[in-house]
Amino acid sequence: MEQAHFTRLDIAFDVFNDDLAMKYRVYRFNTREDVIETIKGRNKSVETMYWGARKSDQQIRLYNKLVEQKNKQKPIPAGVESWARLELQLRGKKPAEWLNSATEMLNQFKLANLQMISAKDRAILYALTHDIIEWQEISVATRSKYRKMIKQSDGFETELADEMKQVLADNLDELQAELNGYLADFDIQK
């Protein structure tokens, strides 16, 4: 293979039996969010969410892996009642930068818990995150305040993302060795 190079790295996290996993969202500014819903009776259930364009440097996918496996008629592990998968897709990064990029992406994965903040902030954040108020409709200072709150996770839970970051840290040596093996096999420079 001539001129082999590193183009993409995918990192996947499986979350079993956690009903909140599919309620988490990515809070990243200026990034498109695509939602695919399956209508079941009166309830809509989110099956797949994408943040970022398919060809962008970073795309995050969250989907209901249990539904996917059932649709493909694959066996489901014993005791699994819900199964969500979060995939981080990294493109255009140097191999040495993958951990920082993955950590940054996980920092954006949160569950809104607006009850933890004041009523005024709760109302404004809810309106901004549900497209009731557009960001450009508020003053620059107010916009800055609420972007900072989102970035610092004020009014958001990050427990699942924190667990994923810990799993990543716990498996870092193994993952890096696997990546280094692929780079060496194809003589790709870091």
C-alpha atoms as a PDB file:
ATOM      1  CA  MET A   1       0.000   0.000   0.000  1.00  0.00           C
ATOM      2  CA  GLU A   2       1.582   3.281  -1.087  1.00  0.00           C
ATOM      3  CA  GLN A   3       1.230   6.451   0.975  1.00  0.00           C
ATOM      4  CA  ALA A   4      -0.883   4.838   3.679  1.00  0.00           C
ATOM      5  CA  HIS A   5      -2.301   7.318   6.155  1.00  0.00           C
ATOM      6  CA  PHE A   6      -4.524   7.540   9.189  1.00  0.00           C
ATOM      7  CA  THR A   7      -7.995   8.774   8.210  1.00  0.00           C
ATOM      8  CA  ARG A   8     -10.529   7.733  10.825  1.00  0.00           C
ATOM      9  CA  LEU A   9     -10.827   6.308  14.303  1.00  0.00           C
ATOM     10  CA  ASP A  10     -14.104   5.129  15.839  1.00  0.00           C
ATOM     11  CA  ILE A  11     -14.544   4.593  19.560  1.00  0.00           C
ATOM     12  CA  ALA A  12     -17.712   2.850  20.784  1.00  0.00           C
ATOM     13  CA  PHE A  13     -19.233   2.611  24.247  1.00  0.00           C
ATOM     14  CA  ASP A  14     -22.023   0.136  25.019  1.00  0.00           C
ATOM     15  CA  VAL A  15     -24.390   1.038  27.856  1.00  0.00           C
ATOM     16  CA  PHE A  16     -26.529  -1.788  29.209  1.00  0.00           C
ATOM     17  CA  ASN A  17     -29.717  -1.484  31.267  1.00  0.00           C
ATOM     18  CA  ASP A  18     -29.565   2.289  31.779  1.00  0.00           C
ATOM     19  CA  ASP A  19     -32.847   3.875  30.725  1.00  0.00           C
ATOM     20  CA  LEU A  20     -31.335   7.372  30.864  1.00  0.00           C
ATOM     21  CA  ALA A  21     -28.635   6.653  28.281  1.00  0.00           C
ATOM     22  CA  MET A  22     -30.873   7.451  25.295  1.00  0.00           C
ATOM     23  CA  LYS A  23     -31.943  10.724  26.947  1.00  0.00           C
ATOM     24  CA  TYR A  24     -28.417  12.150  26.935  1.00  0.00           C
ATOM     25  CA  ARG A  25     -27.608  14.686  24.239  1.00  0.00           C
ATOM     26  CA  VAL A  26     -24.534  16.353  22.817  1.00  0.00           C
ATOM     27  CA  TYR A  27     -24.324  20.058  23.550  1.00  0.00           C
ATOM     28  CA  ARG A  28     -21.950  21.429  20.951  1.00  0.00           C
ATOM     29  CA  PHE A  29     -22.477  24.826  19.403  1.00  0.00           C
ATOM     30  CA  ASN A  30     -22.819  25.223  15.630  1.00  0.00           C
ATOM     31  CA  THR A  31     -23.284  21.500  15.130  1.00  0.00           C
ATOM     32  CA  ARG A  32     -26.212  19.899  13.390  1.00  0.00           C
ATOM     33  CA  GLU A  33     -28.310  17.378  15.292  1.00  0.00           C
ATOM     34  CA  ASP A  34     -30.263  14.748  13.352  1.00  0.00           C
ATOM     35  CA  VAL A  35     -32.813  12.615  15.160  1.00  0.00           C
ATOM     36  CA  ILE A  36     -34.422   9.455  13.821  1.00  0.00           C
ATOM     37  CA  GLU A  37     -37.539   8.452  15.732  1.00  0.00           C
ATOM     38  CA  THR A  38     -39.607   5.328  15.566  1.00  0.00           C
ATOM     39  CA  ILE A  39     -43.266   5.818  16.270  1.00  0.00           C
ATOM     40  CA  LYS A  40     -44.691   3.123  18.507  1.00  0.00           C
ATOM     41  CA  GLY A  41     -48.326   3.695  19.361  1.00  0.00           C
ATOM     42  CA  ARG A  42     -48.715   7.041  21.077  1.00  0.00           C
ATOM     43  CA  ASN A  43     -45.079   7.202  22.141  1.00  0.00           C
ATOM     44  CA  LYS A  44     -42.170   8.278  20.029  1.00  0.00           C
ATOM     45  CA  SER A  45     -38.903   6.653  20.951  1.00  0.00           C
ATOM     46  CA  VAL A  46     -35.575   7.977  19.748  1.00  0.00           C
ATOM     47  CA  GLU A  47     -33.684   5.262  17.899  1.00  0.00           C
ATOM     48  CA  THR A  48     -30.691   7.144  16.471  1.00  0.00           C
ATOM     49  CA  MET A  49     -29.140  10.572  16.912  1.00  0.00           C
ATOM     50  CA  TYR A  50     -26.269  12.106  14.984  1.00  0.00           C
ATOM     51  CA  TRP A  51     -24.293  15.210  15.900  1.00  0.00           C
ATOM     52  CA  GLY A  52     -22.069  16.578  13.164  1.00  0.00           C
ATOM     53  CA  ALA A  53     -22.010  15.875   9.456  1.00  0.00           C
ATOM     54  CA  ARG A  54     -20.980  12.460   8.149  1.00  0.00           C
ATOM     55  CA  LYS A  55     -17.786  13.826   6.553  1.00  0.00           C
ATOM     56  CA  SER A  56     -16.857  16.239   9.361  1.00  0.00           C
ATOM     57  CA  ASP A  57     -13.785  15.862  11.576  1.00  0.00           C
ATOM     58  CA  GLN A  58     -15.986  14.731  14.453  1.00  0.00           C
ATOM     59  CA  GLN A  59     -19.308  12.973  14.431  1.00  0.00           C
ATOM     60  CA  ILE A  60     -21.086  11.508  17.433  1.00  0.00           C
ATOM     61  CA  ARG A  61     -23.761   8.832  17.107  1.00  0.00           C
ATOM     62  CA  LEU A  62     -26.082   7.551  19.816  1.00  0.00           C
ATOM     63  CA  TYR A  63     -28.403   4.729  18.928  1.00  0.00           C
ATOM     64  CA  ASN A  64     -30.537   1.991  20.365  1.00  0.00           C
ATOM     65  CA  LYS A  65     -28.349  -1.063  19.789  1.00  0.00           C
ATOM     66  CA  LEU A  66     -31.005  -3.398  21.208  1.00  0.00           C
ATOM     67  CA  VAL A  67     -33.473  -2.401  18.478  1.00  0.00           C
ATOM     68  CA  GLU A  68     -30.753  -2.784  15.838  1.00  0.00           C
ATOM     69  CA  GLN A  69     -29.843  -6.284  17.056  1.00  0.00           C
ATOM     70  CA  LYS A  70     -33.499  -7.353  17.191  1.00  0.00           C
ATOM     71  CA  ASN A  71     -34.113  -6.024  13.665  1.00  0.00           C
ATOM     72  CA  LYS A  72     -31.142  -8.059  12.422  1.00  0.00           C
ATOM     73  CA  GLN A  73     -32.429 -11.066  14.380  1.00  0.00           C
ATOM     74  CA  LYS A  74     -29.169 -11.279  16.315  1.00  0.00           C
ATOM     75  CA  PRO A  75     -29.018 -12.914  19.749  1.00  0.00           C
ATOM     76  CA  ILE A  76     -29.402 -10.590  22.719  1.00  0.00           C
ATOM     77  CA  PRO A  77     -27.130 -11.229  25.725  1.00  0.00           C
ATOM     78  CA  ALA A  78     -28.921 -12.585  28.789  1.00  0.00           C
ATOM     79  CA  GLY A  79     -30.233  -9.956  31.175  1.00  0.00           C
ATOM     80  CA  VAL A  80     -30.089  -7.100  28.650  1.00  0.00           C
ATOM     81  CA  GLU A  81     -33.254  -5.011  28.784  1.00  0.00           C
ATOM     82  CA  SER A  82     -31.840  -1.871  27.180  1.00  0.00           C
ATOM     83  CA  TRP A  83     -28.691  -1.319  25.149  1.00  0.00           C
ATOM     84  CA  ALA A  84     -27.480   2.046  23.940  1.00  0.00           C
ATOM     85  CA  ARG A  85     -24.309   2.604  21.933  1.00  0.00           C
ATOM     86  CA  LEU A  86     -22.388   5.860  21.749  1.00  0.00           C
ATOM     87  CA  GLU A  87     -19.906   6.097  18.892  1.00  0.00           C
ATOM     88  CA  LEU A  88     -17.268   8.787  18.562  1.00  0.00           C
ATOM     89  CA  GLN A  89     -15.960   9.149  15.026  1.00  0.00           C
ATOM     90  CA  LEU A  90     -12.698  11.074  14.605  1.00  0.00           C
ATOM     91  CA  ARG A  91     -11.338  12.128  11.225  1.00  0.00           C
ATOM     92  CA  GLY A  92      -8.453  14.274  10.121  1.00  0.00           C
ATOM     93  CA  LYS A  93      -6.617  14.122  13.441  1.00  0.00           C
ATOM     94  CA  LYS A  94      -3.097  12.994  14.025  1.00  0.00           C
ATOM     95  CA  PRO A  95      -3.063   9.614  15.778  1.00  0.00           C
ATOM     96  CA  ALA A  96      -1.480  11.175  18.866  1.00  0.00           C
ATOM     97  CA  GLU A  97      -4.463  13.571  19.241  1.00  0.00           C
ATOM     98  CA  TRP A  98      -7.210  10.947  19.455  1.00  0.00           C
ATOM     99  CA  LEU A  99      -7.472  10.838  23.255  1.00  0.00           C
ATOM    100  CA  ASN A 100      -7.865  14.606  23.634  1.00  0.00           C
ATOM    101  CA  SER A 101     -10.493  14.684  20.891  1.00  0.00           C
ATOM    102  CA  ALA A 102     -12.439  11.777  22.389  1.00  0.00           C
ATOM    103  CA  THR A 103     -12.354  13.363  25.854  1.00  0.00           C
ATOM    104  CA  GLU A 104     -13.563  16.680  24.444  1.00  0.00           C
ATOM    105  CA  MET A 105     -16.445  14.895  22.701  1.00  0.00           C
ATOM    106  CA  LEU A 106     -17.423  13.078  25.907  1.00  0.00           C
ATOM    107  CA  ASN A 107     -17.398  16.407  27.778  1.00  0.00           C
ATOM    108  CA  GLN A 108     -20.225  17.515  25.447  1.00  0.00           C
ATOM    109  CA  PHE A 109     -22.384  14.444  26.205  1.00  0.00           C
ATOM    110  CA  LYS A 110     -24.828  15.428  28.979  1.00  0.00           C
ATOM    111  CA  LEU A 111     -28.270  14.944  30.408  1.00  0.00           C
ATOM    112  CA  ALA A 112     -30.259  18.098  31.117  1.00  0.00           C
ATOM    113  CA  ASN A 113     -31.291  18.336  34.764  1.00  0.00           C
ATOM    114  CA  LEU A 114     -32.460  21.907  34.864  1.00  0.00           C
ATOM    115  CA  GLN A 115     -34.122  21.509  38.271  1.00  0.00           C
ATOM    116  CA  MET A 116     -30.682  22.112  39.772  1.00  0.00           C
ATOM    117  CA  ILE A 117     -30.606  25.795  38.704  1.00  0.00           C
ATOM    118  CA  SER A 118     -32.742  28.905  39.257  1.00  0.00           C
ATOM    119  CA  ALA A 119     -36.167  29.183  37.635  1.00  0.00           C
ATOM    120  CA  LYS A 120     -35.043  32.016  35.330  1.00  0.00           C
ATOM    121  CA  ASP A 121     -31.933  30.147  34.142  1.00  0.00           C
ATOM    122  CA  ARG A 122     -33.985  26.959  33.816  1.00  0.00           C
ATOM    123  CA  ALA A 123     -36.553  28.674  31.582  1.00  0.00           C
ATOM    124  CA  ILE A 124     -33.945  30.318  29.354  1.00  0.00           C
ATOM    125  CA  LEU A 125     -31.778  27.188  29.017  1.00  0.00           C
ATOM    126  CA  TYR A 126     -34.835  25.069  28.252  1.00  0.00           C
ATOM    127  CA  ALA A 127     -35.943  27.523  25.577  1.00  0.00           C
ATOM    128  CA  LEU A 128     -32.460  27.667  24.041  1.00  0.00           C
ATOM    129  CA  THR A 129     -31.903  23.897  24.033  1.00  0.00           C
ATOM    130  CA  HIS A 130     -35.365  23.189  22.601  1.00  0.00           C
ATOM    131  CA  ASP A 131     -35.182  25.802  19.821  1.00  0.00           C
ATOM    132  CA  ILE A 132     -37.936  27.932  21.340  1.00  0.00           C
ATOM    133  CA  ILE A 133     -35.519  30.874  21.486  1.00  0.00           C
ATOM    134  CA  GLU A 134     -32.741  31.165  18.910  1.00  0.00           C
ATOM    135  CA  TRP A 135     -29.266  31.994  20.212  1.00  0.00           C
ATOM    136  CA  GLN A 136     -29.031  35.051  17.958  1.00  0.00           C
ATOM    137  CA  GLU A 137     -32.209  36.474  19.543  1.00  0.00           C
ATOM    138  CA  ILE A 138     -30.472  37.133  22.861  1.00  0.00           C
ATOM    139  CA  SER A 139     -27.737  39.623  23.722  1.00  0.00           C
ATOM    140  CA  VAL A 140     -24.093  38.695  23.373  1.00  0.00           C
ATOM    141  CA  ALA A 141     -23.592  38.838  27.162  1.00  0.00           C
ATOM    142  CA  THR A 142     -26.612  36.596  27.826  1.00  0.00           C
ATOM    143  CA  ARG A 143     -25.529  34.199  25.087  1.00  0.00           C
ATOM    144  CA  SER A 144     -22.070  34.013  26.641  1.00  0.00           C
ATOM    145  CA  LYS A 145     -23.523  33.315  30.094  1.00  0.00           C
ATOM    146  CA  TYR A 146     -25.648  30.377  28.920  1.00  0.00           C
ATOM    147  CA  ARG A 147     -22.988  28.900  26.676  1.00  0.00           C
ATOM    148  CA  LYS A 148     -20.645  28.968  29.656  1.00  0.00           C
ATOM    149  CA  MET A 149     -23.281  27.254  31.825  1.00  0.00           C
ATOM    150  CA  ILE A 150     -23.705  24.497  29.242  1.00  0.00           C
ATOM    151  CA  LYS A 151     -19.960  24.068  28.812  1.00  0.00           C
ATOM    152  CA  GLN A 152     -19.481  23.848  32.601  1.00  0.00           C
ATOM    153  CA  SER A 153     -22.507  21.509  32.892  1.00  0.00           C
ATOM    154  CA  ASP A 154     -24.464  23.833  35.200  1.00  0.00           C
ATOM    155  CA  GLY A 155     -27.928  22.250  35.113  1.00  0.00           C
ATOM    156  CA  PHE A 156     -26.683  19.071  33.456  1.00  0.00           C
ATOM    157  CA  GLU A 157     -25.679  15.622  34.665  1.00  0.00           C
ATOM    158  CA  THR A 158     -22.492  14.104  33.316  1.00  0.00           C
ATOM    159  CA  GLU A 159     -22.378  10.813  35.240  1.00  0.00           C
ATOM    160  CA  LEU A 160     -22.562   8.560  32.165  1.00  0.00           C
ATOM    161  CA  ALA A 161     -19.973  10.584  30.241  1.00  0.00           C
ATOM    162  CA  ASP A 162     -17.710  10.570  33.304  1.00  0.00           C
ATOM    163  CA  GLU A 163     -17.980   6.767  33.474  1.00  0.00           C
ATOM    164  CA  MET A 164     -17.099   6.556  29.772  1.00  0.00           C
ATOM    165  CA  LYS A 165     -14.052   8.773  30.299  1.00  0.00           C
ATOM    166  CA  GLN A 166     -12.985   6.471  33.143  1.00  0.00           C
ATOM    167  CA  VAL A 167     -13.422   3.371  30.945  1.00  0.00           C
ATOM    168  CA  LEU A 168     -11.335   5.095  28.294  1.00  0.00           C
ATOM    169  CA  ALA A 169      -8.620   5.906  30.844  1.00  0.00           C
ATOM    170  CA  ASP A 170      -8.692   2.353  32.246  1.00  0.00           C
ATOM    171  CA  ASN A 171      -8.208   0.888  28.755  1.00  0.00           C
ATOM    172  CA  LEU A 172      -5.860   3.533  27.387  1.00  0.00           C
ATOM    173  CA  ASP A 173      -2.740   1.360  27.250  1.00  0.00           C
ATOM    174  CA  GLU A 174      -4.562  -1.445  25.416  1.00  0.00           C
ATOM    175  CA  LEU A 175      -6.208   0.949  22.957  1.00  0.00           C
ATOM    176  CA  GLN A 176      -2.960   2.811  22.282  1.00  0.00           C
ATOM    177  CA  ALA A 177      -1.105  -0.471  21.724  1.00  0.00           C
ATOM    178  CA  GLU A 178      -3.763  -1.582  19.231  1.00  0.00           C
ATOM    179  CA  LEU A 179      -3.553   1.747  17.385  1.00  0.00           C
ATOM    180  CA  ASN A 180       0.254   1.633  17.388  1.00  0.00           C
ATOM    181  CA  GLY A 181       0.084  -1.890  15.946  1.00  0.00           C
ATOM    182  CA  TYR A 182      -2.068  -0.718  13.025  1.00  0.00           C
ATOM    183  CA  LEU A 183       0.193   2.282  12.424  1.00  0.00           C
ATOM    184  CA  ALA A 184       3.268   0.042  12.442  1.00  0.00           C
ATOM    185  CA  ASP A 185       1.686  -2.570  10.157  1.00  0.00           C
ATOM    186  CA  PHE A 186       1.127   0.077   7.486  1.00  0.00           C
ATOM    187  CA  ASP A 187       4.191   2.192   8.282  1.00  0.00           C
ATOM    188  CA  ILE A 188       2.114   5.271   9.136  1.00  0.00           C
ATOM    189  CA  GLN A 189       3.927   8.078  10.927  1.00  0.00           C
ATOM    190  CA  LYS A 190       2.385   9.552  14.071  1.00  0.00           C
END
